Amino acid sequence: MALEEQRSFEIREIMKILPHRYPMLLVDRIVEFEPMRRAIGYKNLTINEEFFQGHFPNLPLMPGVLMIEALAQLGGTIIMSPYDYKRQTAVLTGIDKAKFRKYVVPGDRLDMEVTLLRTRSTLGWVSAVASVGGKPACSAELMFALTAIDDIGMDVSVLNQ
């Protein structure tokens, strides 16, 4: 099945869409996907995440900025046509109305949902919510600009692996 027809993605398929790689790839699975509409996905967190080693040694917490980044990665998957994944990527250009409501710790599953608000030319806006165990952890409105992969110096051959 082609990427443009899929409704869920495992990690290898996500790596065909997003240019991020370990340790910055923060979406483990996309369980519902509607291009140009919405996506639901998650990130499983273990004590082995690099950021837990220093944030904080006696109270490991996922940094809020990484929760926003995880939401942005999921949001970036929906604001472009699946036919464009090999030619362009979504770059986060704005964060509005960010709120952090719950600690996210090792062993948690960060559930994420993004919904397209609007697009204009090469810009897109999404509403994004992350939760743990059904309780809100983080929310924000995110803005993206679509950028040609050549402009960021990415080797597009990695998308064909």
Protein backbone atom coordinates (compact mmCIF):
# COMPACT_ATOMS: atom_id res chain seq x y z
CA MET A 1 0.00 0.00 0.00
CA ALA A 2 1.37 3.46 -0.93
CA LEU A 3 1.98 6.08 1.78
CA GLU A 4 -0.77 8.30 0.39
CA GLU A 5 -3.33 5.52 0.97
CA GLN A 6 -2.31 4.48 4.48
CA ARG A 7 -4.20 5.32 7.63
CA SER A 8 -1.52 4.23 10.15
CA PHE A 9 2.28 4.11 10.14
CA GLU A 10 4.93 2.11 11.99
CA ILE A 11 8.35 3.62 12.75
CA ARG A 12 10.03 2.61 9.46
CA GLU A 13 7.22 4.26 7.51
CA ILE A 14 7.38 7.37 9.70
CA MET A 15 11.08 7.62 8.80
CA LYS A 16 10.04 7.84 5.14
CA ILE A 17 7.94 10.91 5.97
CA LEU A 18 9.99 12.76 8.60
CA PRO A 19 13.68 13.66 8.19
CA HIS A 20 14.31 13.32 11.97
CA ARG A 21 16.48 10.52 13.32
CA TYR A 22 17.49 9.26 16.77
CA PRO A 23 17.62 10.90 19.25
CA MET A 24 15.32 13.55 17.77
CA LEU A 25 12.65 11.35 16.18
CA LEU A 26 9.85 11.64 18.76
CA VAL A 27 6.95 9.81 17.10
CA ASP A 28 6.93 6.02 17.49
CA ARG A 29 3.66 5.26 15.71
CA ILE A 30 0.84 7.00 13.91
CA VAL A 31 -2.39 5.13 14.59
CA GLU A 32 -4.82 7.35 12.67
CA PHE A 33 -3.90 9.49 9.68
CA GLU A 34 -5.96 11.71 7.41
CA PRO A 35 -3.77 13.88 5.13
CA MET A 36 -4.57 17.58 5.40
CA ARG A 37 -6.98 16.87 8.30
CA ARG A 38 -5.64 15.12 11.42
CA ALA A 39 -3.33 12.51 12.91
CA ILE A 40 -3.13 10.57 16.15
CA GLY A 41 0.15 9.06 17.28
CA TYR A 42 2.30 8.33 20.30
CA LYS A 43 5.78 8.25 21.79
CA ASN A 44 6.71 5.56 24.32
CA LEU A 45 9.10 6.94 26.93
CA THR A 46 11.75 4.88 28.70
CA ILE A 47 14.44 5.83 31.19
CA ASN A 48 16.92 5.31 28.32
CA GLU A 49 15.86 8.56 26.60
CA GLU A 50 18.94 10.80 26.56
CA PHE A 51 17.12 13.82 27.98
CA PHE A 52 16.09 11.96 31.15
CA GLN A 53 19.77 11.63 32.14
CA GLY A 54 20.06 15.34 32.87
CA HIS A 55 16.44 16.55 33.14
CA PHE A 56 16.55 15.92 36.09
CA PRO A 57 18.83 13.28 37.62
CA ASN A 58 16.60 12.67 40.68
CA LEU A 59 13.28 13.56 39.01
CA PRO A 60 13.35 12.53 35.33
CA LEU A 61 10.87 14.69 33.37
CA MET A 62 10.35 15.06 29.64
CA PRO A 63 11.20 18.69 28.81
CA GLY A 64 8.23 20.74 27.64
CA VAL A 65 10.12 21.82 24.54
CA LEU A 66 10.42 18.14 23.52
CA MET A 67 6.70 17.60 24.02
CA ILE A 68 6.14 20.52 21.63
CA GLU A 69 8.70 19.02 19.21
CA ALA A 70 6.92 15.64 19.29
CA LEU A 71 3.61 17.37 18.51
CA ALA A 72 5.29 19.38 15.75
CA GLN A 73 6.67 16.22 14.14
CA LEU A 74 3.22 14.64 14.12
CA GLY A 75 1.72 17.90 12.84
CA GLY A 76 4.26 18.11 10.05
CA THR A 77 3.01 14.83 8.63
CA ILE A 78 -0.49 16.16 7.89
CA ILE A 79 0.14 19.61 6.38
CA MET A 80 1.55 18.39 3.10
CA SER A 81 0.34 16.06 0.43
CA PRO A 82 1.75 12.55 0.84
CA TYR A 83 3.08 12.89 -2.71
CA ASP A 84 5.41 15.65 -1.47
CA TYR A 85 7.22 13.76 1.32
CA LYS A 86 10.31 13.17 -0.84
CA ARG A 87 10.54 16.78 -2.05
CA GLN A 88 9.75 18.89 1.00
CA THR A 89 9.46 18.90 4.76
CA ALA A 90 7.53 20.95 7.30
CA VAL A 91 9.62 23.27 9.48
CA LEU A 92 8.17 24.58 12.75
CA THR A 93 7.92 28.39 12.53
CA GLY A 94 5.61 29.34 15.38
CA ILE A 95 4.14 28.25 18.70
CA ASP A 96 1.05 29.88 20.20
CA LYS A 97 -1.06 29.19 23.29
CA ALA A 98 1.35 26.56 24.68
CA LYS A 99 0.30 25.09 28.01
CA PHE A 100 1.96 22.41 30.12
CA ARG A 101 -0.32 20.61 32.58
CA LYS A 102 1.25 17.29 33.61
CA TYR A 103 4.67 15.79 34.20
CA VAL A 104 5.70 13.21 31.62
CA VAL A 105 8.04 10.60 33.09
CA PRO A 106 9.77 7.34 32.11
CA GLY A 107 7.23 4.59 31.48
CA ASP A 108 4.58 6.99 30.16
CA ARG A 109 3.10 6.86 26.69
CA LEU A 110 2.70 10.35 25.30
CA ASP A 111 -0.48 10.21 23.22
CA MET A 112 -0.72 13.00 20.64
CA GLU A 113 -3.41 14.38 18.37
CA VAL A 114 -3.04 17.14 15.80
CA THR A 115 -5.82 18.72 13.77
CA LEU A 116 -5.33 21.02 10.80
CA LEU A 117 -6.67 24.51 11.44
CA ARG A 118 -5.83 26.11 8.09
CA THR A 119 -3.28 26.40 5.29
CA ARG A 120 -2.19 29.26 3.08
CA SER A 121 0.35 28.94 0.30
CA THR A 122 3.32 27.14 1.90
CA LEU A 123 2.15 27.71 5.50
CA GLY A 124 0.05 25.52 7.76
CA TRP A 125 -1.42 25.75 11.26
CA VAL A 126 -2.43 22.87 13.54
CA SER A 127 -4.04 22.48 16.94
CA ALA A 128 -2.01 19.97 18.97
CA VAL A 129 -2.72 18.13 22.23
CA ALA A 130 -0.58 15.59 24.11
CA SER A 131 -1.87 13.49 26.98
CA VAL A 132 -0.81 10.70 29.31
CA GLY A 133 -3.39 8.23 30.54
CA GLY A 134 -6.19 10.39 29.15
CA LYS A 135 -5.04 13.47 31.12
CA PRO A 136 -3.77 16.53 29.20
CA ALA A 137 -0.01 17.04 29.43
CA CYS A 138 0.62 19.72 26.79
CA SER A 139 -1.28 21.70 24.17
CA ALA A 140 -0.43 24.37 21.61
CA GLU A 141 -1.21 25.83 18.22
CA LEU A 142 1.73 25.27 15.88
CA MET A 143 2.67 26.98 12.62
CA PHE A 144 4.74 25.38 9.85
CA ALA A 145 6.42 26.43 6.63
CA LEU A 146 6.94 23.89 3.89
CA THR A 147 10.57 23.85 2.81
CA ALA A 148 12.18 22.10 -0.13
CA ILE A 149 14.45 19.32 1.11
CA ASP A 150 17.28 20.64 -1.06
CA ASP A 151 17.13 23.93 0.87
CA ILE A 152 18.03 22.19 4.14
CA GLY A 153 20.80 20.08 2.62
CA MET A 154 19.10 16.76 3.31
CA ASP A 155 20.22 13.66 1.44
CA VAL A 156 16.90 12.50 0.01
CA SER A 157 18.23 9.00 -0.57
CA VAL A 158 17.54 8.20 3.12
CA LEU A 159 13.83 8.48 2.35
CA ASN A 160 14.06 5.55 -0.04
CA GLN A 161 15.60 3.08 2.43
